[in-house]
Structure formats: C-alpha cells, structure tokens
Amino acid sequence: MEIVGPAGAGKTTLYQALDCYTDFIRLENFPDVRKAADAPFFILNGIQLIPSLLHLYRSNSRQLTRREFAWMSILNGWSDLLRRESNDDKKVIILDQGPVYLLAEMRLFGPEYLRQNTAQPFWQSLYESWGATLDMVVCLDATNDVLLNRIRNRRQEHTVKNQPPMVVFEFLDSYRTEYEFLLSRLTAKKAGLKVLQFDTEQQRPQDIVNQFISELSG
C-alpha cells in the first residue's frame, strides 16, 4: 500500500507512526540509485526502458534528467520486485513516495513527449502493472490554508515554501487533480484496490493509524 497526498498533508507523520507495528508491517521506499546494492536493479530496468523512451522521444522536447530516468526505471521494474518481496515475508509493505507519487511527478513535470497522445499506451502499461501490485492507497489531505501553514512552519525545505499563497495553492491543487486522475486509472485496472481518505486537519494521526490498522485487520 502507498500513502499519498499533497505537501504538508502528514504523509511522513503517518509513515513514522506506523513504525510501531513492524511485527506485521514493513516500511519501504523505492530503490536508491546511490546504493551499490541497487545497481543491478537500475541497470536491468534502465536497459529495458530505453527502447520505449527512444520510440517516444521527440527532438523538440528535452531529455530525461538522470533523476527522472532513475524514477522511470523504478516505475518500470519495482512492481515485480515488490510482489516477490511480499510473497517472501508475508508482511504488509507500506510505501512512502511510491508509484502513485512517482507517476504524478513524471506526468506533471516530465519531458513534453511523455504527455503526448503517443505516450498513452506506455502509461497504460504502467497503470496495469501498478494496479495489479497495489492493494490499498491511503490519501491524506487538508485545506490549502492549513497545508500552507504547515509547509512554511516546518524546518524541511520545499520548492514552494516561500512562494505567494496563490502559487502554493495552485501547486497543491495540481497534485490533487493528478492523484485523482491516477487513482481513477489504477482502480479501473483493479476493482479491488481500496482507497482510504483522511482529513488530517480534522483527524489526529493516532486516530488515522487506528482506523488504518482496523482496515488491515479486517
């Protein structure tokens, strides 16, 4: 399962709160291109990805950055890896910054050629793969005013931290729209994909954890 939501929604807070339940939960993040142990993953999946990207690439569009190429490699191969790991240890794998987040980032900010109609079959294959992998998505959100206050008052830097309110609100709304779109595509591929939504302005982290654990137990 994956935890998603716009900046300031409380994803990291919830993720850390779930660390107390490691007897049946495993917290996971995507493969790290900086780790030698993950190098075979990126080599294999990067090589597999290159023909599709070359087919889609247009000369009037910028190329993928190294970071974006790593993210696309993760989207291409991580689902198979997670399914194998899930079968091995039987724990619930919880993802912070998982495939929904990466899909949103690449669709919103990736090269122009990835937003052309010719790229739709490529995206559809990813929706199908991840729809078959994810069992649950937990969506966190709050009002824009609350999120703006959280972004500005936490120590962590953010790209819109010092931007005017309207710029921040547009940024937050763009992620909401993209997450809604992606979840509609993923649930179309897997009718049993459960989506839980929480308002972190109204609900305390522990209450969300309790409800979430109850869902898992059920």
Protein backbone atom coordinates (compact mmCIF):
# COMPACT_ATOMS: atom_id res chain seq x y z
CA MET A 1 0.00 0.00 0.00
CA GLU A 2 1.02 3.60 -0.52
CA ILE A 3 0.48 6.83 1.42
CA VAL A 4 -0.17 9.83 -0.86
CA GLY A 5 -1.23 13.45 -0.52
CA PRO A 6 -0.13 17.00 -1.30
CA ALA A 7 2.77 18.64 0.54
CA GLY A 8 2.07 19.12 4.24
CA ALA A 9 -0.74 16.57 4.36
CA GLY A 10 1.02 14.45 7.00
CA LYS A 11 2.42 11.55 4.98
CA THR A 12 5.73 11.35 6.85
CA THR A 13 3.98 11.69 10.24
CA LEU A 14 1.70 8.75 9.46
CA TYR A 15 4.54 6.72 7.99
CA GLN A 16 6.62 7.20 11.14
CA ALA A 17 3.67 6.43 13.42
CA LEU A 18 3.27 3.06 11.71
CA ASP A 19 6.83 2.13 12.69
CA CYS A 20 5.44 0.70 15.94
CA TYR A 21 3.73 -2.13 14.06
CA THR A 22 6.74 -3.82 12.50
CA ASP A 23 5.55 -7.28 13.56
CA PHE A 24 3.23 -7.29 10.55
CA ILE A 25 4.16 -4.08 8.66
CA ARG A 26 7.30 -3.31 6.68
CA LEU A 27 8.05 0.32 5.79
CA GLU A 28 9.64 0.64 2.38
CA ASN A 29 10.93 3.28 -0.01
CA PHE A 30 11.92 2.94 -3.64
CA PRO A 31 15.32 1.57 -4.74
CA ASP A 32 18.15 4.08 -4.26
CA VAL A 33 20.30 4.78 -7.30
CA ARG A 34 23.13 5.82 -4.96
CA LYS A 35 23.35 2.38 -3.31
CA ALA A 36 25.65 -0.20 -4.85
CA ALA A 37 23.26 -2.97 -3.81
CA ASP A 38 20.54 -1.45 -6.01
CA ALA A 39 22.80 -1.02 -9.06
CA PRO A 40 21.70 -4.30 -10.75
CA PHE A 41 18.07 -3.20 -10.48
CA PHE A 42 18.74 0.11 -12.25
CA ILE A 43 20.98 -1.45 -14.90
CA LEU A 44 18.41 -4.11 -15.81
CA ASN A 45 15.33 -1.91 -15.76
CA GLY A 46 17.08 1.06 -17.35
CA ILE A 47 18.18 -1.09 -20.29
CA GLN A 48 14.64 -2.46 -20.67
CA LEU A 49 13.22 1.07 -20.61
CA ILE A 50 15.48 2.65 -23.26
CA PRO A 51 13.72 1.28 -26.41
CA SER A 52 10.32 2.59 -25.27
CA LEU A 53 11.73 6.02 -24.43
CA LEU A 54 13.59 6.27 -27.74
CA HIS A 55 10.37 5.41 -29.56
CA LEU A 56 8.52 8.21 -27.74
CA TYR A 57 11.26 10.84 -27.79
CA ARG A 58 10.80 13.94 -29.97
CA SER A 59 13.69 16.22 -30.92
CA ASN A 60 11.81 19.35 -29.84
CA SER A 61 11.44 18.02 -26.28
CA ARG A 62 14.05 17.97 -23.55
CA GLN A 63 15.61 14.70 -22.49
CA LEU A 64 15.05 13.00 -19.16
CA THR A 65 17.32 14.10 -16.35
CA ARG A 66 19.30 11.39 -14.54
CA ARG A 67 16.89 11.59 -11.65
CA GLU A 68 13.88 11.23 -13.96
CA PHE A 69 15.47 8.28 -15.75
CA ALA A 70 16.01 6.60 -12.37
CA TRP A 71 12.36 7.25 -11.46
CA MET A 72 11.14 5.81 -14.77
CA SER A 73 13.33 2.74 -14.19
CA ILE A 74 11.71 2.35 -10.76
CA LEU A 75 8.23 2.59 -12.26
CA ASN A 76 9.23 0.04 -14.87
CA GLY A 77 10.59 -2.66 -12.57
CA TRP A 78 9.75 -2.04 -8.92
CA SER A 79 6.30 -3.65 -9.09
CA ASP A 80 7.75 -7.10 -9.86
CA LEU A 81 10.28 -6.71 -7.04
CA LEU A 82 7.58 -5.73 -4.51
CA ARG A 83 5.36 -8.66 -5.46
CA ARG A 84 8.25 -11.08 -4.89
CA GLU A 85 9.13 -9.48 -1.54
CA SER A 86 5.50 -9.54 -0.42
CA ASN A 87 5.31 -13.27 -1.09
CA ASP A 88 8.57 -13.87 0.79
CA ASP A 89 7.84 -12.30 4.20
CA LYS A 90 4.02 -12.04 4.25
CA LYS A 91 4.13 -8.56 5.79
CA VAL A 92 2.14 -5.53 4.67
CA ILE A 93 4.56 -3.34 2.69
CA ILE A 94 3.83 0.36 3.19
CA LEU A 95 5.32 2.78 0.68
CA ASP A 96 6.19 6.41 1.34
CA GLN A 97 6.75 8.10 -2.04
CA GLY A 98 5.69 5.08 -4.03
CA PRO A 99 4.44 4.59 -7.60
CA VAL A 100 1.47 6.99 -7.41
CA TYR A 101 3.80 9.75 -6.29
CA LEU A 102 6.36 8.94 -8.99
CA LEU A 103 3.70 8.73 -11.69
CA ALA A 104 2.36 12.12 -10.63
CA GLU A 105 5.82 13.68 -10.67
CA MET A 106 6.64 12.37 -14.14
CA ARG A 107 3.26 13.24 -15.64
CA LEU A 108 3.28 16.75 -14.16
CA PHE A 109 6.91 17.72 -14.63
CA GLY A 110 8.49 15.20 -17.00
CA PRO A 111 9.52 15.95 -20.61
CA GLU A 112 6.83 17.10 -23.01
CA TYR A 113 7.00 13.95 -25.13
CA LEU A 114 5.68 11.92 -22.18
CA ARG A 115 2.48 14.00 -22.28
CA GLN A 116 1.76 13.40 -25.96
CA ASN A 117 -1.00 11.06 -27.17
CA THR A 118 1.63 8.68 -28.49
CA ALA A 119 2.75 8.07 -24.90
CA GLN A 120 -0.66 6.87 -23.69
CA PRO A 121 -0.03 3.13 -24.33
CA PHE A 122 3.21 3.46 -22.35
CA TRP A 123 1.37 4.96 -19.38
CA GLN A 124 -1.42 2.40 -19.66
CA SER A 125 1.09 -0.42 -19.27
CA LEU A 126 2.35 1.20 -16.06
CA TYR A 127 -1.21 1.66 -14.75
CA GLU A 128 -1.87 -2.01 -15.41
CA SER A 129 1.32 -3.13 -13.68
CA TRP A 130 0.80 -0.97 -10.60
CA GLY A 131 -2.93 -1.60 -10.46
CA ALA A 132 -2.07 -5.29 -10.14
CA THR A 133 0.52 -4.58 -7.42
CA LEU A 134 -1.14 -2.09 -5.07
CA ASP A 135 -3.86 -3.30 -2.73
CA MET A 136 -4.56 -0.05 -0.89
CA VAL A 137 -3.86 3.67 -1.19
CA VAL A 138 -4.21 5.98 1.83
CA CYS A 139 -4.93 9.56 0.74
CA LEU A 140 -4.21 12.36 3.22
CA ASP A 141 -5.28 15.97 2.74
CA ALA A 142 -6.31 19.20 4.48
CA THR A 143 -7.42 22.66 3.39
CA ASN A 144 -4.97 24.76 1.42
CA ASP A 145 -4.62 27.28 4.26
CA VAL A 146 -3.64 24.53 6.70
CA LEU A 147 -1.18 22.98 4.24
CA LEU A 148 0.37 26.37 3.51
CA ASN A 149 0.91 26.97 7.23
CA ARG A 150 2.48 23.52 7.69
CA ILE A 151 4.81 23.94 4.72
CA ARG A 152 6.03 27.33 5.94
CA ASN A 153 6.48 26.39 9.58
CA ARG A 154 8.33 23.10 9.28
CA ARG A 155 12.12 23.01 9.08
CA GLN A 156 12.14 20.98 5.88
CA GLU A 157 12.75 23.00 2.73
CA HIS A 158 10.21 22.88 -0.08
CA THR A 159 10.11 24.31 -3.58
CA VAL A 160 7.07 26.50 -2.79
CA LYS A 161 7.85 27.27 0.85
CA ASN A 162 8.50 30.97 0.23
CA GLN A 163 6.12 31.45 -2.70
CA PRO A 164 2.96 33.64 -2.56
CA PRO A 165 -0.18 31.83 -1.31
CA MET A 166 -1.83 31.62 -4.74
CA VAL A 167 1.25 29.94 -6.20
CA VAL A 168 1.26 27.42 -3.35
CA PHE A 169 -2.48 26.76 -3.75
CA GLU A 170 -2.09 26.12 -7.49
CA PHE A 171 0.78 23.76 -6.75
CA LEU A 172 -1.27 21.82 -4.19
CA ASP A 173 -4.32 21.67 -6.45
CA SER A 174 -2.26 20.32 -9.34
CA TYR A 175 -1.22 17.35 -7.20
CA ARG A 176 -4.78 16.74 -6.02
CA THR A 177 -6.02 16.68 -9.61
CA GLU A 178 -3.22 14.36 -10.70
CA TYR A 179 -3.71 11.95 -7.79
CA GLU A 180 -7.44 11.80 -8.54
CA PHE A 181 -6.71 11.03 -12.18
CA LEU A 182 -4.15 8.34 -11.36
CA LEU A 183 -6.35 6.63 -8.79
CA SER A 184 -9.18 6.51 -11.32
CA ARG A 185 -6.84 4.76 -13.76
CA LEU A 186 -5.48 2.33 -11.17
CA THR A 187 -8.91 1.38 -9.81
CA ALA A 188 -10.08 0.84 -13.40
CA LYS A 189 -7.31 -1.75 -13.72
CA LYS A 190 -8.07 -3.31 -10.32
CA ALA A 191 -11.59 -3.01 -8.99
CA GLY A 192 -10.48 -4.34 -5.60
CA LEU A 193 -7.97 -1.56 -5.00
CA LYS A 194 -9.09 0.09 -1.76
CA VAL A 195 -8.72 3.86 -1.38
CA LEU A 196 -8.93 5.34 2.14
CA GLN A 197 -9.21 9.11 2.56
CA PHE A 198 -8.39 11.07 5.71
CA ASP A 199 -8.62 14.77 6.58
CA THR A 200 -5.52 15.45 8.69
CA GLU A 201 -6.94 18.81 9.74
CA GLN A 202 -9.83 17.08 11.50
CA GLN A 203 -8.34 13.70 12.44
CA ARG A 204 -5.38 13.11 14.73
CA PRO A 205 -2.51 10.92 13.47
CA GLN A 206 -3.19 8.21 16.06
CA ASP A 207 -6.88 8.06 15.10
CA ILE A 208 -5.85 7.60 11.47
CA VAL A 209 -3.39 4.89 12.48
CA ASN A 210 -6.09 3.10 14.50
CA GLN A 211 -8.56 3.19 11.63
CA PHE A 212 -5.93 2.04 9.19
CA ILE A 213 -4.85 -0.87 11.40
CA SER A 214 -8.51 -1.81 11.76
CA GLU A 215 -8.83 -1.91 7.96
CA LEU A 216 -5.79 -4.18 7.72
CA SER A 217 -7.15 -6.48 10.43
CA GLY A 218 -10.47 -6.69 8.63
